[in-house]
Each structure stands twice: as structure tokens, then as C-alpha cells.
């Protein structure tokens, strides 16, 4: 990932979230598209196949501008908001987890409730996650070689 000084505020939060989730044993992808018209900030896949989605909001205006977040709920087992530590958590919708994050890490302020994915959706999502990760790795290893990613 690029130097955090060059990243946008939400990308900086995503960087800290990915560091935290990786330390918990989850594999992360940023800016992932689970379905047409949806792009999540962070999706994480756990060792048992659990899927977490994290939306990063750096400000009140950023949160208010998000009109698609409820569409993400059907694509994960747990849904979180990642916000700076000084963010007013009362502004966040209920029933979601909260991560306090910065450029370099995050911590769980509120664990998200679990809503297990249907098996067919989990299988399709896991396959899409693996394919996106492979395409991204190939693009790093051999820029310009990936036609499908």
C-alpha cells in the first residue's frame, strides 16, 4: 500500500483496519465489489470462512453521504463501521459493530452481531474473494498481465 501521507482519510482508516484484522487471522481486501453496484471499503475472510465487511467513515459528512451500506448486510456475517477514536458513535446506525481506527491499527469498540450467510452465497463470495486476490497479486507480480481483474 502507498505511504499513508498520500492516502485519503477513508483509505488511511482502511489501512489500520486491515492491519488489525490481519493480526486477528483474517485475510483482507480493500475496495471489493461483492455485487454489481456495491463496493465495500474492506472485506475480510476468516479461517473458518467467516466474512466481515467494514465501512470506513472519517467524518460525519462521509457517513451521511453513504446511501448503500444496508445493501452490504446480506454479503457478510458481521458488519462494522470503522471510525476515528474521536468520532461520535451515537451517529452510527444500531446493530452494527464499531472499530476505532487510525492509519496504523484499530480496536474493536463494539463487536458486530453475527448473521450467518447462506451457504451458496458464502461459497460464491469466497470464490470471488479468492479470484480478486489472485488477480491483484498477479498485477503486482507482472503489471499489465491481468485481463480479468
N, C-alpha and C. Protein backbone atom coordinates (compact mmCIF):
# COMPACT_ATOMS: atom_id res chain seq x y z
N UNK A 1 0.85 -1.17 0.00
CA UNK A 1 0.00 0.00 0.00
C UNK A 1 0.90 1.24 0.00
N UNK A 2 0.38 2.31 -0.52
CA UNK A 2 1.14 3.55 -0.60
C UNK A 2 1.42 4.13 0.77
N UNK A 3 2.31 5.11 0.79
CA UNK A 3 2.63 5.86 2.01
C UNK A 3 1.35 6.47 2.56
N UNK A 4 1.07 6.31 3.88
CA UNK A 4 -0.20 6.82 4.42
C UNK A 4 -0.39 8.32 4.27
N UNK A 5 0.68 9.08 4.08
CA UNK A 5 0.55 10.53 3.90
C UNK A 5 -0.20 10.83 2.60
N UNK A 6 -0.09 9.95 1.59
CA UNK A 6 -0.71 10.18 0.29
C UNK A 6 -2.13 9.61 0.20
N UNK A 7 -2.58 8.90 1.21
CA UNK A 7 -3.88 8.27 1.18
C UNK A 7 -4.98 9.24 1.63
N UNK A 8 -6.18 9.02 1.13
CA UNK A 8 -7.35 9.76 1.58
C UNK A 8 -7.72 9.30 2.99
N UNK A 9 -8.48 10.10 3.75
CA UNK A 9 -8.80 9.72 5.13
C UNK A 9 -9.43 8.33 5.27
N UNK A 10 -10.38 7.98 4.42
CA UNK A 10 -11.00 6.65 4.50
C UNK A 10 -10.02 5.53 4.18
N UNK A 11 -9.11 5.78 3.25
CA UNK A 11 -8.09 4.78 2.92
C UNK A 11 -7.12 4.59 4.09
N UNK A 12 -6.87 5.67 4.80
CA UNK A 12 -5.98 5.57 5.97
C UNK A 12 -6.64 4.72 7.05
N UNK A 13 -7.94 4.91 7.26
CA UNK A 13 -8.65 4.07 8.21
C UNK A 13 -8.65 2.61 7.75
N UNK A 14 -8.87 2.38 6.46
CA UNK A 14 -8.87 1.02 5.92
C UNK A 14 -7.53 0.33 6.14
N UNK A 15 -6.45 1.09 6.01
CA UNK A 15 -5.11 0.54 6.25
C UNK A 15 -5.01 0.04 7.69
N UNK A 16 -5.43 0.84 8.66
CA UNK A 16 -5.38 0.43 10.06
C UNK A 16 -6.31 -0.75 10.34
N UNK A 17 -7.48 -0.75 9.73
CA UNK A 17 -8.43 -1.85 9.88
C UNK A 17 -7.81 -3.14 9.36
N UNK A 18 -7.21 -3.09 8.19
CA UNK A 18 -6.60 -4.30 7.61
C UNK A 18 -5.46 -4.82 8.49
N UNK A 19 -4.68 -3.94 9.06
CA UNK A 19 -3.63 -4.38 9.97
C UNK A 19 -4.23 -5.11 11.17
N UNK A 20 -5.28 -4.54 11.74
CA UNK A 20 -5.93 -5.16 12.89
C UNK A 20 -6.53 -6.52 12.54
N UNK A 21 -7.28 -6.57 11.45
CA UNK A 21 -7.94 -7.81 11.08
C UNK A 21 -6.93 -8.90 10.70
N UNK A 22 -5.86 -8.51 10.04
CA UNK A 22 -4.81 -9.47 9.70
C UNK A 22 -4.21 -10.06 10.97
N UNK A 23 -3.99 -9.23 11.98
CA UNK A 23 -3.46 -9.72 13.26
C UNK A 23 -4.44 -10.67 13.94
N UNK A 24 -5.73 -10.56 13.63
CA UNK A 24 -6.76 -11.46 14.18
C UNK A 24 -6.89 -12.73 13.34
N UNK A 25 -6.12 -12.85 12.26
CA UNK A 25 -6.16 -14.04 11.43
C UNK A 25 -7.10 -13.98 10.26
N UNK A 26 -7.58 -12.79 9.91
CA UNK A 26 -8.45 -12.64 8.75
C UNK A 26 -7.64 -12.10 7.58
N UNK A 27 -7.96 -12.54 6.38
CA UNK A 27 -7.35 -12.02 5.16
C UNK A 27 -8.23 -10.90 4.63
N UNK A 28 -7.61 -9.79 4.21
CA UNK A 28 -8.37 -8.60 3.83
C UNK A 28 -8.16 -8.19 2.38
N UNK A 29 -9.20 -7.64 1.81
CA UNK A 29 -9.13 -6.94 0.53
C UNK A 29 -9.83 -5.60 0.72
N UNK A 30 -9.30 -4.57 0.10
CA UNK A 30 -9.95 -3.27 0.12
C UNK A 30 -10.66 -3.02 -1.20
N UNK A 31 -11.66 -2.17 -1.14
CA UNK A 31 -12.44 -1.78 -2.32
C UNK A 31 -12.84 -2.99 -3.16
N UNK A 32 -13.58 -3.86 -2.53
CA UNK A 32 -14.04 -5.12 -3.13
C UNK A 32 -15.50 -4.96 -3.55
N UNK A 33 -15.86 -5.56 -4.67
CA UNK A 33 -17.23 -5.50 -5.19
C UNK A 33 -17.91 -6.85 -5.01
N UNK A 34 -18.77 -6.97 -3.99
CA UNK A 34 -19.46 -8.25 -3.79
C UNK A 34 -20.60 -8.48 -4.78
N UNK A 35 -21.17 -7.40 -5.29
CA UNK A 35 -22.26 -7.47 -6.25
C UNK A 35 -22.27 -6.18 -7.06
N UNK A 36 -22.87 -6.23 -8.22
CA UNK A 36 -22.95 -5.04 -9.08
C UNK A 36 -23.57 -3.88 -8.30
N UNK A 37 -22.90 -2.73 -8.37
CA UNK A 37 -23.40 -1.54 -7.71
C UNK A 37 -22.96 -1.37 -6.27
N UNK A 38 -22.23 -2.34 -5.73
CA UNK A 38 -21.75 -2.26 -4.35
C UNK A 38 -20.22 -2.36 -4.34
N UNK A 39 -19.58 -1.52 -3.55
CA UNK A 39 -18.13 -1.62 -3.35
C UNK A 39 -17.85 -1.33 -1.89
N UNK A 40 -17.36 -2.34 -1.20
CA UNK A 40 -17.09 -2.20 0.23
C UNK A 40 -15.65 -1.70 0.43
N UNK A 41 -15.45 -0.98 1.53
CA UNK A 41 -14.11 -0.48 1.83
C UNK A 41 -13.16 -1.61 2.19
N UNK A 42 -13.60 -2.51 3.08
CA UNK A 42 -12.79 -3.65 3.49
C UNK A 42 -13.69 -4.88 3.60
N UNK A 43 -13.23 -5.98 3.03
CA UNK A 43 -13.87 -7.27 3.25
C UNK A 43 -12.79 -8.18 3.80
N UNK A 44 -13.15 -9.00 4.78
CA UNK A 44 -12.18 -9.88 5.42
C UNK A 44 -12.75 -11.29 5.47
N UNK A 45 -11.87 -12.25 5.22
CA UNK A 45 -12.24 -13.66 5.22
C UNK A 45 -11.46 -14.36 6.31
N UNK A 46 -12.18 -15.03 7.21
CA UNK A 46 -11.55 -15.71 8.33
C UNK A 46 -11.21 -17.16 8.04
N UNK A 47 -10.53 -17.78 8.96
CA UNK A 47 -10.06 -19.17 8.82
C UNK A 47 -11.20 -20.17 8.68
N UNK A 48 -12.34 -19.89 9.28
CA UNK A 48 -13.49 -20.78 9.19
C UNK A 48 -14.47 -20.35 8.09
N UNK A 49 -14.03 -19.41 7.25
CA UNK A 49 -14.87 -18.95 6.15
C UNK A 49 -15.77 -17.79 6.49
N UNK A 50 -15.65 -17.25 7.72
CA UNK A 50 -16.50 -16.12 8.10
C UNK A 50 -16.10 -14.88 7.29
N UNK A 51 -17.10 -14.08 6.99
CA UNK A 51 -16.91 -12.88 6.16
C UNK A 51 -17.32 -11.66 6.95
N UNK A 52 -16.40 -10.72 7.08
CA UNK A 52 -16.68 -9.45 7.74
C UNK A 52 -16.56 -8.34 6.70
N UNK A 53 -17.45 -7.37 6.78
CA UNK A 53 -17.35 -6.16 5.95
C UNK A 53 -17.20 -4.98 6.88
N UNK A 54 -16.29 -4.07 6.51
CA UNK A 54 -16.03 -2.87 7.29
C UNK A 54 -16.12 -1.66 6.37
N UNK A 55 -16.98 -0.72 6.73
CA UNK A 55 -17.06 0.55 6.02
C UNK A 55 -16.35 1.61 6.85
N UNK A 56 -15.46 2.35 6.22
CA UNK A 56 -14.62 3.34 6.90
C UNK A 56 -15.20 4.74 6.70
N UNK A 57 -15.47 5.41 7.80
CA UNK A 57 -16.05 6.75 7.75
C UNK A 57 -15.18 7.70 8.57
N UNK A 58 -14.62 8.67 7.89
CA UNK A 58 -13.68 9.58 8.53
C UNK A 58 -14.35 10.82 9.13
N UNK A 59 -15.63 11.05 8.77
CA UNK A 59 -16.31 12.25 9.26
C UNK A 59 -17.82 12.04 9.22
N UNK A 60 -18.52 12.96 9.86
CA UNK A 60 -19.99 12.94 9.85
C UNK A 60 -20.50 13.06 8.41
N UNK A 61 -19.91 13.94 7.63
CA UNK A 61 -20.34 14.13 6.24
C UNK A 61 -20.13 12.86 5.43
N UNK A 62 -19.03 12.18 5.65
CA UNK A 62 -18.74 10.92 4.97
C UNK A 62 -19.82 9.88 5.30
N UNK A 63 -20.22 9.80 6.55
CA UNK A 63 -21.26 8.86 6.97
C UNK A 63 -22.60 9.22 6.33
N UNK A 64 -22.97 10.47 6.36
CA UNK A 64 -24.26 10.90 5.80
C UNK A 64 -24.34 10.67 4.29
N UNK A 65 -23.21 10.70 3.61
CA UNK A 65 -23.20 10.51 2.16
C UNK A 65 -23.38 9.04 1.76
N UNK A 66 -23.22 8.11 2.70
CA UNK A 66 -23.31 6.68 2.40
C UNK A 66 -24.76 6.26 2.33
N UNK A 67 -25.22 5.95 1.12
CA UNK A 67 -26.61 5.54 0.91
C UNK A 67 -26.75 4.04 0.64
N UNK A 68 -25.62 3.32 0.54
CA UNK A 68 -25.68 1.92 0.12
C UNK A 68 -25.35 0.93 1.23
N UNK A 69 -24.99 1.39 2.42
CA UNK A 69 -24.45 0.48 3.42
C UNK A 69 -25.38 -0.66 3.77
N UNK A 70 -26.70 -0.45 3.78
CA UNK A 70 -27.61 -1.53 4.14
C UNK A 70 -27.59 -2.67 3.11
N UNK A 71 -27.22 -2.35 1.88
CA UNK A 71 -27.08 -3.39 0.86
C UNK A 71 -25.91 -4.32 1.11
N UNK A 72 -24.98 -3.91 1.97
CA UNK A 72 -23.82 -4.75 2.28
C UNK A 72 -24.15 -5.84 3.30
N UNK A 73 -25.20 -5.66 4.07
CA UNK A 73 -25.50 -6.57 5.17
C UNK A 73 -25.74 -8.00 4.69
N UNK A 74 -26.30 -8.17 3.53
CA UNK A 74 -26.57 -9.52 3.03
C UNK A 74 -25.33 -10.21 2.45
N UNK A 75 -24.18 -9.53 2.49
CA UNK A 75 -22.93 -10.07 1.94
C UNK A 75 -21.90 -10.38 3.01
N UNK A 76 -22.30 -10.41 4.27
CA UNK A 76 -21.32 -10.67 5.33
C UNK A 76 -21.98 -11.33 6.54
N UNK A 77 -21.14 -11.94 7.37
CA UNK A 77 -21.59 -12.50 8.64
C UNK A 77 -21.60 -11.43 9.73
N UNK A 78 -20.67 -10.47 9.62
CA UNK A 78 -20.59 -9.36 10.57
C UNK A 78 -20.30 -8.07 9.80
N UNK A 79 -20.97 -7.00 10.21
CA UNK A 79 -20.79 -5.69 9.56
C UNK A 79 -20.32 -4.67 10.59
N UNK A 80 -19.28 -3.94 10.23
CA UNK A 80 -18.68 -2.94 11.12
C UNK A 80 -18.57 -1.58 10.44
N UNK A 81 -18.59 -0.55 11.27
CA UNK A 81 -18.16 0.79 10.89
C UNK A 81 -16.77 0.98 11.48
N UNK A 82 -15.86 1.53 10.72
CA UNK A 82 -14.55 1.94 11.25
C UNK A 82 -14.52 3.46 11.24
N UNK A 83 -14.24 4.02 12.40
CA UNK A 83 -14.25 5.47 12.57
C UNK A 83 -13.05 5.88 13.41
N UNK A 84 -12.64 7.15 13.31
CA UNK A 84 -11.57 7.63 14.19
C UNK A 84 -12.02 7.55 15.66
N UNK A 85 -11.08 7.46 16.58
CA UNK A 85 -11.43 7.35 18.01
C UNK A 85 -12.30 8.48 18.54
N UNK A 86 -12.19 9.68 17.96
CA UNK A 86 -12.98 10.81 18.45
C UNK A 86 -14.33 10.97 17.74
N UNK A 87 -14.69 10.03 16.88
CA UNK A 87 -15.96 10.07 16.15
C UNK A 87 -17.11 9.83 17.12
N UNK A 88 -18.20 10.57 16.99
CA UNK A 88 -19.38 10.41 17.85
C UNK A 88 -20.13 9.14 17.44
N UNK A 89 -19.95 8.08 18.22
CA UNK A 89 -20.55 6.78 17.89
C UNK A 89 -22.06 6.82 17.90
N UNK A 90 -22.67 7.80 18.55
CA UNK A 90 -24.13 7.92 18.56
C UNK A 90 -24.69 8.21 17.16
N UNK A 91 -23.85 8.65 16.24
CA UNK A 91 -24.28 8.93 14.87
C UNK A 91 -24.41 7.65 14.04
N UNK A 92 -23.77 6.57 14.50
CA UNK A 92 -23.76 5.32 13.73
C UNK A 92 -25.06 4.55 13.93
N UNK A 93 -25.53 3.89 12.87
CA UNK A 93 -26.75 3.07 13.00
C UNK A 93 -26.55 1.94 14.01
N UNK A 94 -27.61 1.58 14.71
CA UNK A 94 -27.55 0.49 15.67
C UNK A 94 -27.48 -0.86 14.96
N UNK A 95 -27.02 -1.86 15.69
CA UNK A 95 -26.99 -3.22 15.16
C UNK A 95 -25.76 -3.55 14.35
N UNK A 96 -24.76 -2.67 14.38
CA UNK A 96 -23.52 -2.88 13.65
C UNK A 96 -22.36 -2.83 14.64
N UNK A 97 -21.23 -3.40 14.24
CA UNK A 97 -20.04 -3.30 15.07
C UNK A 97 -19.33 -1.97 14.85
N UNK A 98 -18.43 -1.64 15.77
CA UNK A 98 -17.66 -0.40 15.65
C UNK A 98 -16.18 -0.72 15.89
N UNK A 99 -15.36 -0.26 14.97
CA UNK A 99 -13.91 -0.32 15.12
C UNK A 99 -13.39 1.11 15.23
N UNK A 100 -12.57 1.39 16.21
CA UNK A 100 -11.87 2.67 16.27
C UNK A 100 -10.55 2.45 15.56
N UNK A 101 -10.29 3.26 14.55
CA UNK A 101 -9.13 3.03 13.69
C UNK A 101 -8.36 4.31 13.42
N UNK A 102 -7.10 4.12 13.05
CA UNK A 102 -6.27 5.20 12.53
C UNK A 102 -5.39 4.60 11.44
N UNK A 103 -4.36 5.31 11.02
CA UNK A 103 -3.50 4.86 9.93
C UNK A 103 -2.83 3.52 10.19
N UNK A 104 -2.60 3.20 11.44
CA UNK A 104 -1.70 2.10 11.77
C UNK A 104 -2.34 0.95 12.53
N UNK A 105 -3.60 1.05 12.89
CA UNK A 105 -4.23 -0.03 13.62
C UNK A 105 -5.69 0.28 13.91
N UNK A 106 -6.30 -0.63 14.64
CA UNK A 106 -7.70 -0.48 15.02
C UNK A 106 -7.95 -1.34 16.25
N UNK A 107 -9.08 -1.08 16.89
CA UNK A 107 -9.52 -1.92 18.00
C UNK A 107 -11.03 -2.02 17.95
N UNK A 108 -11.54 -3.14 18.40
CA UNK A 108 -12.98 -3.35 18.42
C UNK A 108 -13.57 -2.58 19.59
N UNK A 109 -14.42 -1.62 19.29
CA UNK A 109 -15.14 -0.88 20.33
C UNK A 109 -16.47 -1.57 20.63
N UNK A 110 -17.05 -2.20 19.60
CA UNK A 110 -18.30 -2.93 19.75
C UNK A 110 -18.30 -4.06 18.72
N UNK A 111 -18.38 -5.31 19.19
CA UNK A 111 -18.41 -6.44 18.27
C UNK A 111 -19.75 -6.46 17.53
N UNK A 112 -19.67 -6.69 16.23
CA UNK A 112 -20.88 -6.76 15.41
C UNK A 112 -21.63 -8.06 15.69
N UNK A 113 -22.95 -7.99 15.67
CA UNK A 113 -23.70 -9.24 15.81
C UNK A 113 -23.47 -10.13 14.59
N UNK A 114 -23.59 -11.43 14.82
CA UNK A 114 -23.37 -12.38 13.72
C UNK A 114 -24.69 -12.72 13.05
N UNK A 115 -24.69 -12.66 11.72
CA UNK A 115 -25.83 -13.04 10.90
C UNK A 115 -25.27 -13.95 9.80
N UNK A 116 -25.25 -15.27 10.03
CA UNK A 116 -24.59 -16.18 9.09
C UNK A 116 -25.12 -16.09 7.67
N UNK A 117 -24.19 -16.09 6.74
CA UNK A 117 -24.53 -16.09 5.32
C UNK A 117 -25.13 -17.43 4.92
N UNK A 118 -26.02 -17.44 3.93
CA UNK A 118 -26.47 -18.72 3.37
C UNK A 118 -25.27 -19.42 2.70
N UNK A 119 -25.22 -20.76 2.77
CA UNK A 119 -24.06 -21.49 2.23
C UNK A 119 -23.73 -21.17 0.77
N UNK A 120 -24.73 -21.06 -0.09
CA UNK A 120 -24.46 -20.79 -1.51
C UNK A 120 -23.84 -19.40 -1.70
N UNK A 121 -24.31 -18.43 -0.94
CA UNK A 121 -23.74 -17.08 -1.04
C UNK A 121 -22.31 -17.07 -0.51
N UNK A 122 -22.07 -17.78 0.61
CA UNK A 122 -20.72 -17.85 1.17
C UNK A 122 -19.74 -18.47 0.16
N UNK A 123 -20.17 -19.52 -0.51
CA UNK A 123 -19.32 -20.18 -1.50
C UNK A 123 -18.99 -19.24 -2.65
N UNK A 124 -20.00 -18.57 -3.18
CA UNK A 124 -19.78 -17.64 -4.30
C UNK A 124 -18.91 -16.47 -3.89
N UNK A 125 -19.14 -15.94 -2.69
CA UNK A 125 -18.37 -14.81 -2.21
C UNK A 125 -16.92 -15.20 -1.94
N UNK A 126 -16.71 -16.38 -1.38
CA UNK A 126 -15.34 -16.86 -1.13
C UNK A 126 -14.60 -17.05 -2.44
N UNK A 127 -15.25 -17.57 -3.44
CA UNK A 127 -14.64 -17.75 -4.76
C UNK A 127 -14.28 -16.38 -5.37
N UNK A 128 -15.19 -15.41 -5.27
CA UNK A 128 -14.92 -14.07 -5.81
C UNK A 128 -13.77 -13.40 -5.06
N UNK A 129 -13.72 -13.60 -3.75
CA UNK A 129 -12.64 -13.05 -2.93
C UNK A 129 -11.30 -13.63 -3.39
N UNK A 130 -11.25 -14.95 -3.54
CA UNK A 130 -10.00 -15.62 -3.96
C UNK A 130 -9.57 -15.15 -5.35
N UNK A 131 -10.51 -15.03 -6.24
CA UNK A 131 -10.17 -14.60 -7.60
C UNK A 131 -9.66 -13.15 -7.60
N UNK A 132 -10.31 -12.28 -6.86
CA UNK A 132 -9.86 -10.88 -6.80
C UNK A 132 -8.47 -10.80 -6.18
N UNK A 133 -8.22 -11.57 -5.13
CA UNK A 133 -6.90 -11.57 -4.51
C UNK A 133 -5.83 -12.07 -5.48
N UNK A 134 -6.14 -13.12 -6.22
CA UNK A 134 -5.17 -13.66 -7.18
C UNK A 134 -4.89 -12.66 -8.30
N UNK A 135 -5.93 -12.00 -8.81
CA UNK A 135 -5.73 -11.00 -9.86
C UNK A 135 -4.87 -9.84 -9.35
N UNK A 136 -5.13 -9.41 -8.13
CA UNK A 136 -4.34 -8.30 -7.57
C UNK A 136 -2.88 -8.72 -7.39
N UNK A 137 -2.66 -9.93 -6.92
CA UNK A 137 -1.29 -10.42 -6.75
C UNK A 137 -0.58 -10.51 -8.10
N UNK A 138 -1.26 -11.04 -9.11
CA UNK A 138 -0.66 -11.15 -10.44
C UNK A 138 -0.35 -9.78 -11.01
N UNK A 139 -1.24 -8.81 -10.80
CA UNK A 139 -0.98 -7.45 -11.28
C UNK A 139 0.25 -6.84 -10.64
N UNK A 140 0.50 -7.16 -9.37
CA UNK A 140 1.72 -6.68 -8.70
C UNK A 140 2.95 -7.39 -9.23
N UNK A 141 2.83 -8.70 -9.45
CA UNK A 141 3.96 -9.50 -9.90
C UNK A 141 4.32 -9.22 -11.36
N UNK A 142 3.31 -8.93 -12.17
CA UNK A 142 3.51 -8.72 -13.61
C UNK A 142 2.52 -7.68 -14.09
N UNK A 143 2.80 -6.38 -13.84
CA UNK A 143 1.88 -5.32 -14.23
C UNK A 143 1.46 -5.42 -15.71
N UNK A 144 0.19 -5.22 -15.94
CA UNK A 144 -0.32 -5.26 -17.31
C UNK A 144 -0.72 -6.65 -17.78
N UNK A 145 -0.49 -7.68 -16.95
CA UNK A 145 -0.76 -9.05 -17.39
C UNK A 145 -2.17 -9.51 -17.09
N UNK A 146 -2.90 -8.82 -16.25
CA UNK A 146 -4.19 -9.31 -15.79
C UNK A 146 -5.31 -8.70 -16.64
N UNK A 147 -5.96 -9.54 -17.41
CA UNK A 147 -7.04 -9.07 -18.25
C UNK A 147 -8.37 -9.07 -17.50
N UNK A 148 -8.56 -10.02 -16.59
CA UNK A 148 -9.85 -10.17 -15.91
C UNK A 148 -10.00 -9.32 -14.68
N UNK A 149 -8.93 -8.82 -14.08
CA UNK A 149 -9.02 -8.11 -12.82
C UNK A 149 -9.21 -6.67 -13.00
